[in-house]
Amino acid sequence: MKDYLTIGEFAKLRSVNINSLLYYEKLGILCPAYIDPKTKYRYYATEQLSALDIILLCINLDIPLKEMKQYQDENVYWQKKMLNDGKRIAEMKMQKLQNDLQKIEYALKCRDEQNHYSDCKGIYKREIHARFFIVEEYIGDLANITQFGRISTELFDYAERKGFSAVLPTGFMFTFNENKIRQFLFYEVLPTDVKDEKIIEIPKGEYRCLQVEFEPHMNHVEFIDQQFGSSSNRLAIVSNLIRDELEINSRYNEIQVIDT
C-alpha cells in the first residue's frame, strides 16, 4: 500500500485524532480511499487532504459537519457553494470581532478617563466628549429590581436587534425642563449615524461631577438639587464607574450635571 497513507499517518498530517477521521467516515463526508477487506485497515490518498482541510475549515467556522454532507448530496459544485457560504460566515465573524474590539477600546478609554478623577472629593469639573445613549423612560422606583431587570433586558435586546453596540458605562439619566422631570435608563452605545427614536446624542461640554455610592431608595432629584443647586433646565447622568476592585455591596457612580 505504498501509494496510500495509513489512517495514523493521514491523521498526523493535520494533527487530528484518528477517532475524528472515523467520525467523518461515519458521516459520509470523508471516507478512506481503500479499506483492506481482510484486516479492515483504512488507507487514505494524499489528494484527500483538501477534503480534510475543508472539514477543518467548517469546524473553525462553526458549520455543522452534517450540513457539509447536505452540500455534497445537493450540489455537484458543493465545494464552491460551501466555501462561498463559509466566506460569508467568516466575514460576519470578522465584523463581530472588529465590533468587539471597538467596544473594548472604548471601555478602556472610559476607564482611563475615570481613573484620572478617581481621587476627586466633592464636586469637580470634567470635560466630557459627545456620547450616544440608547434610552428607555423609567417610571417607578429604581429599587424595584424586577422592573429594573425587565426594562434593562428589553433595552439591551432592542440595541442588539437594531445593531447598536452597547458599551460600558450604563446608568440613569434625568432631564429637567421647565419643572418637568423625566427619568431614563440608558446604555451608552458606540457612535452611530443611524437615526432611531431611542437613540439620543449627549452633548459635549464641561460637566460638574460628584462620585457617590448608589442608593436605590435615594431621591435622586432632591439629592441633585441639594448638591448642585436647582435649575429649570438641566441634564443629569448617574453613570456607573468602572473600577479595578469590586467591593461587595458597594456600587459607586459618578453624577454628571450640565445646565442646558
Protein backbone atom coordinates (compact mmCIF):
# COMPACT_ATOMS: atom_id res chain seq x y z
CA MET A 1 0.00 0.00 0.00
CA LYS A 2 2.89 2.34 -0.79
CA ASP A 3 0.61 4.70 -2.69
CA TYR A 4 -1.60 5.24 0.36
CA LEU A 5 -1.26 6.60 3.88
CA THR A 6 -2.39 4.69 6.94
CA ILE A 7 -5.11 6.33 8.98
CA GLY A 8 -2.50 7.24 11.59
CA GLU A 9 -0.17 8.80 9.02
CA PHE A 10 -3.04 10.70 7.42
CA ALA A 11 -4.24 11.99 10.79
CA LYS A 12 -0.76 13.29 11.68
CA LEU A 13 -0.59 15.43 8.54
CA ARG A 14 -3.23 17.75 10.04
CA SER A 15 -2.82 16.89 13.73
CA VAL A 16 -6.28 15.39 14.01
CA ASN A 17 -7.42 12.46 16.11
CA ILE A 18 -7.94 9.08 14.47
CA ASN A 19 -11.37 8.92 16.10
CA SER A 20 -12.22 12.16 14.30
CA LEU A 21 -11.44 10.52 10.94
CA LEU A 22 -13.65 7.59 11.88
CA TYR A 23 -16.43 10.04 12.73
CA TYR A 24 -16.04 11.83 9.39
CA GLU A 25 -16.30 8.44 7.69
CA LYS A 26 -19.45 7.65 9.66
CA LEU A 27 -20.99 10.92 8.48
CA GLY A 28 -20.04 10.06 4.90
CA ILE A 29 -18.04 13.25 4.32
CA LEU A 30 -14.54 11.72 4.19
CA CYS A 31 -14.28 8.01 3.51
CA PRO A 32 -10.98 6.10 3.18
CA ALA A 33 -9.63 5.68 -0.33
CA TYR A 34 -9.18 1.98 0.39
CA ILE A 35 -10.20 -0.45 3.14
CA ASP A 36 -8.39 -3.76 3.27
CA PRO A 37 -11.15 -6.41 3.10
CA LYS A 38 -9.25 -8.77 5.38
CA THR A 39 -7.70 -6.53 8.03
CA LYS A 40 -10.22 -3.66 7.73
CA TYR A 41 -7.26 -1.29 7.88
CA ARG A 42 -8.11 2.09 6.42
CA TYR A 43 -5.91 3.92 3.92
CA TYR A 44 -6.10 7.45 2.56
CA ALA A 45 -4.74 9.19 -0.53
CA THR A 46 -2.79 12.43 -0.23
CA GLU A 47 -5.34 14.02 -2.57
CA GLN A 48 -7.90 13.67 0.23
CA LEU A 49 -6.09 16.30 2.28
CA SER A 50 -8.09 19.02 0.51
CA ALA A 51 -11.31 17.41 1.72
CA LEU A 52 -9.92 17.21 5.25
CA ASP A 53 -8.90 20.86 5.08
CA ILE A 54 -12.46 21.82 4.14
CA ILE A 55 -13.80 19.80 7.08
CA LEU A 56 -11.43 21.58 9.48
CA LEU A 57 -12.48 24.91 7.95
CA CYS A 58 -16.12 24.01 8.61
CA ILE A 59 -15.27 23.28 12.23
CA ASN A 60 -13.47 26.61 12.61
CA LEU A 61 -16.45 28.45 11.11
CA ASP A 62 -18.94 26.55 13.28
CA ILE A 63 -20.61 24.99 10.24
CA PRO A 64 -22.13 21.69 11.45
CA LEU A 65 -20.47 18.78 9.70
CA LYS A 66 -23.87 17.25 8.97
CA GLU A 67 -24.53 20.30 6.79
CA MET A 68 -21.38 19.51 4.82
CA LYS A 69 -22.95 16.18 3.90
CA GLN A 70 -26.02 18.07 2.68
CA TYR A 71 -23.80 20.26 0.50
CA GLN A 72 -22.30 17.11 -1.03
CA ASP A 73 -25.69 15.50 -1.63
CA GLU A 74 -27.47 18.56 -3.04
CA ASN A 75 -24.96 20.25 -5.34
CA VAL A 76 -22.42 18.93 -7.80
CA TYR A 77 -20.43 22.11 -7.14
CA TRP A 78 -20.79 21.70 -3.38
CA GLN A 79 -17.25 22.81 -2.51
CA LYS A 80 -17.64 26.20 -4.20
CA LYS A 81 -21.06 26.76 -2.66
CA MET A 82 -19.88 25.76 0.78
CA LEU A 83 -16.75 27.90 0.54
CA ASN A 84 -18.82 30.90 -0.54
CA ASP A 85 -21.09 30.35 2.46
CA GLY A 86 -18.00 29.93 4.63
CA LYS A 87 -16.63 33.22 3.30
CA ARG A 88 -19.85 34.96 4.28
CA ILE A 89 -19.73 33.45 7.78
CA ALA A 90 -16.05 34.41 8.16
CA GLU A 91 -16.84 38.00 7.14
CA MET A 92 -19.62 38.15 9.71
CA LYS A 93 -17.28 36.82 12.39
CA MET A 94 -14.62 39.36 11.42
CA GLN A 95 -17.18 42.14 11.65
CA LYS A 96 -18.25 40.95 15.09
CA LEU A 97 -14.64 40.73 16.25
CA GLN A 98 -13.97 44.23 14.94
CA ASN A 99 -17.06 45.44 16.77
CA ASP A 100 -15.96 43.72 19.98
CA LEU A 101 -12.51 45.30 19.62
CA GLN A 102 -14.11 48.74 19.33
CA LYS A 103 -16.15 48.04 22.47
CA ILE A 104 -13.03 47.02 24.38
CA GLU A 105 -11.09 50.08 23.21
CA TYR A 106 -13.98 52.34 24.16
CA ALA A 107 -14.33 50.76 27.61
CA LEU A 108 -10.58 51.13 28.20
CA LYS A 109 -10.77 54.77 27.18
CA CYS A 110 -13.66 55.41 29.59
CA ARG A 111 -11.80 53.59 32.37
CA ASP A 112 -8.67 55.68 31.83
CA GLU A 113 -10.71 58.88 31.83
CA GLN A 114 -12.47 57.85 35.04
CA ASN A 115 -9.19 56.92 36.74
CA HIS A 116 -7.95 60.45 36.12
CA TYR A 117 -10.67 61.64 38.52
CA SER A 118 -10.70 58.65 40.89
CA ASP A 119 -9.26 60.61 43.82
CA CYS A 120 -11.58 63.59 43.47
CA LYS A 121 -13.62 64.53 46.52
CA GLY A 122 -16.72 66.69 46.42
CA ILE A 123 -17.85 68.39 43.23
CA TYR A 124 -15.30 68.72 40.43
CA LYS A 125 -15.43 69.81 36.79
CA ARG A 126 -14.81 67.44 33.93
CA GLU A 127 -14.77 67.93 30.16
CA ILE A 128 -16.71 65.04 28.61
CA HIS A 129 -16.90 64.23 24.89
CA ALA A 130 -20.16 63.84 22.99
CA ARG A 131 -21.83 60.50 23.62
CA PHE A 132 -24.68 58.41 22.27
CA PHE A 133 -27.20 56.80 24.61
CA ILE A 134 -29.96 54.32 23.88
CA VAL A 135 -32.67 55.12 26.42
CA GLU A 136 -35.96 53.92 27.81
CA GLU A 137 -38.10 56.08 30.06
CA TYR A 138 -38.23 54.59 33.54
CA ILE A 139 -41.37 55.35 35.51
CA GLY A 140 -41.32 53.98 39.02
CA ASP A 141 -38.99 53.10 41.85
CA LEU A 142 -35.32 52.49 41.00
CA ALA A 143 -35.22 49.98 43.87
CA ASN A 144 -37.75 47.73 42.10
CA ILE A 145 -35.30 45.03 40.98
CA THR A 146 -37.91 43.15 38.93
CA GLN A 147 -38.90 46.23 36.95
CA PHE A 148 -35.30 47.33 36.54
CA GLY A 149 -34.27 43.89 35.26
CA ARG A 150 -37.14 43.73 32.77
CA ILE A 151 -36.60 47.21 31.32
CA SER A 152 -32.82 46.79 31.26
CA THR A 153 -33.08 43.48 29.41
CA GLU A 154 -35.63 44.79 26.93
CA LEU A 155 -33.47 47.83 26.15
CA PHE A 156 -30.32 45.76 25.71
CA ASP A 157 -32.15 43.29 23.45
CA TYR A 158 -33.51 46.21 21.41
CA ALA A 159 -29.98 47.57 20.95
CA GLU A 160 -28.71 44.17 19.81
CA ARG A 161 -31.64 43.70 17.44
CA LYS A 162 -31.10 47.11 15.85
CA GLY A 163 -27.36 46.62 15.53
CA PHE A 164 -26.30 49.22 18.10
CA SER A 165 -23.20 48.34 20.08
CA ALA A 166 -23.95 48.74 23.79
CA VAL A 167 -20.85 49.51 25.85
CA LEU A 168 -19.94 50.49 29.38
CA PRO A 169 -20.84 52.66 31.16
CA THR A 170 -24.57 52.44 31.81
CA GLY A 171 -26.91 54.06 34.33
CA PHE A 172 -29.79 56.51 34.77
CA MET A 173 -30.42 59.90 33.24
CA PHE A 174 -32.66 62.72 34.45
CA THR A 175 -33.84 65.61 32.31
CA PHE A 176 -35.13 68.83 33.92
CA ASN A 177 -37.13 71.01 31.54
CA GLU A 178 -39.25 73.85 32.95
CA ASN A 179 -40.10 71.89 36.10
CA LYS A 180 -40.90 68.73 34.14
CA ILE A 181 -38.60 65.91 35.23
CA ARG A 182 -38.17 62.67 33.30
CA GLN A 183 -36.16 59.62 34.28
CA PHE A 184 -34.48 57.22 31.85
CA LEU A 185 -32.47 54.04 31.93
CA PHE A 186 -29.60 54.16 29.43
CA TYR A 187 -26.86 52.15 27.80
CA GLU A 188 -24.06 54.01 26.12
CA VAL A 189 -23.54 52.88 22.54
CA LEU A 190 -20.73 53.36 20.05
CA PRO A 191 -21.14 56.49 17.88
CA THR A 192 -23.66 55.94 15.11
CA ASP A 193 -25.22 57.84 12.20
CA VAL A 194 -28.36 55.70 12.33
CA LYS A 195 -31.50 57.55 13.39
CA ASP A 196 -33.64 55.80 15.96
CA GLU A 197 -36.31 57.01 18.35
CA LYS A 198 -34.44 55.53 21.32
CA ILE A 199 -31.02 56.97 20.41
CA ILE A 200 -30.08 60.40 21.71
CA GLU A 201 -26.82 62.32 21.46
CA ILE A 202 -25.50 63.66 24.73
CA PRO A 203 -23.70 66.98 24.16
CA LYS A 204 -20.02 67.55 24.72
CA GLY A 205 -19.31 70.01 27.49
CA GLU A 206 -17.95 70.81 30.91
CA TYR A 207 -19.89 68.78 33.48
CA ARG A 208 -19.94 69.24 37.21
CA CYS A 209 -19.42 65.83 38.74
CA LEU A 210 -19.70 64.06 42.05
CA GLN A 211 -18.86 60.46 42.96
CA VAL A 212 -21.37 58.77 45.25
CA GLU A 213 -22.38 55.30 46.30
CA PHE A 214 -25.54 54.25 44.51
CA GLU A 215 -28.56 54.04 46.78
CA PRO A 216 -31.69 52.72 45.03
CA HIS A 217 -34.02 54.28 47.59
CA MET A 218 -32.36 57.69 47.32
CA ASN A 219 -34.46 60.52 45.93
CA HIS A 220 -32.03 61.37 43.16
CA VAL A 221 -33.87 64.51 42.06
CA GLU A 222 -33.74 66.01 45.55
CA PHE A 223 -30.14 64.88 46.01
CA ILE A 224 -29.07 66.52 42.73
CA ASP A 225 -30.83 69.76 43.69
CA GLN A 226 -29.17 69.72 47.11
CA GLN A 227 -25.68 69.09 45.76
CA PHE A 228 -25.73 71.10 42.55
CA GLY A 229 -28.42 73.71 43.21
CA SER A 230 -31.77 73.82 41.48
CA SER A 231 -32.20 74.56 37.78
CA SER A 232 -35.21 74.57 35.49
CA ASN A 233 -33.19 73.22 32.53
CA ARG A 234 -30.67 70.55 33.29
CA LEU A 235 -29.29 67.17 32.23
CA ALA A 236 -28.10 64.86 35.00
CA ILE A 237 -26.45 61.50 34.34
CA VAL A 238 -25.87 58.86 37.02
CA SER A 239 -23.19 56.70 35.40
CA ASN A 240 -21.59 53.58 36.84
CA LEU A 241 -17.86 53.73 37.50
CA ILE A 242 -15.51 51.09 36.09
CA ARG A 243 -13.20 50.15 38.95
CA ASP A 244 -10.36 47.65 39.25
CA GLU A 245 -11.54 46.48 42.66
CA LEU A 246 -15.09 45.28 43.12
CA GLU A 247 -16.38 45.89 46.62
CA ILE A 248 -19.24 43.68 47.77
CA ASN A 249 -22.48 45.63 48.35
CA SER A 250 -20.85 48.79 47.00
CA ARG A 251 -21.80 50.40 43.68
CA TYR A 252 -20.12 53.72 43.04
CA ASN A 253 -21.47 56.11 40.46
CA GLU A 254 -20.48 59.44 39.03
CA ILE A 255 -23.23 62.04 38.83
CA GLN A 256 -22.58 64.29 35.82
CA VAL A 257 -24.60 67.52 35.62
CA ILE A 258 -24.75 70.15 32.91
CA ASP A 259 -27.22 73.02 32.65
CA THR A 260 -28.84 73.32 29.24
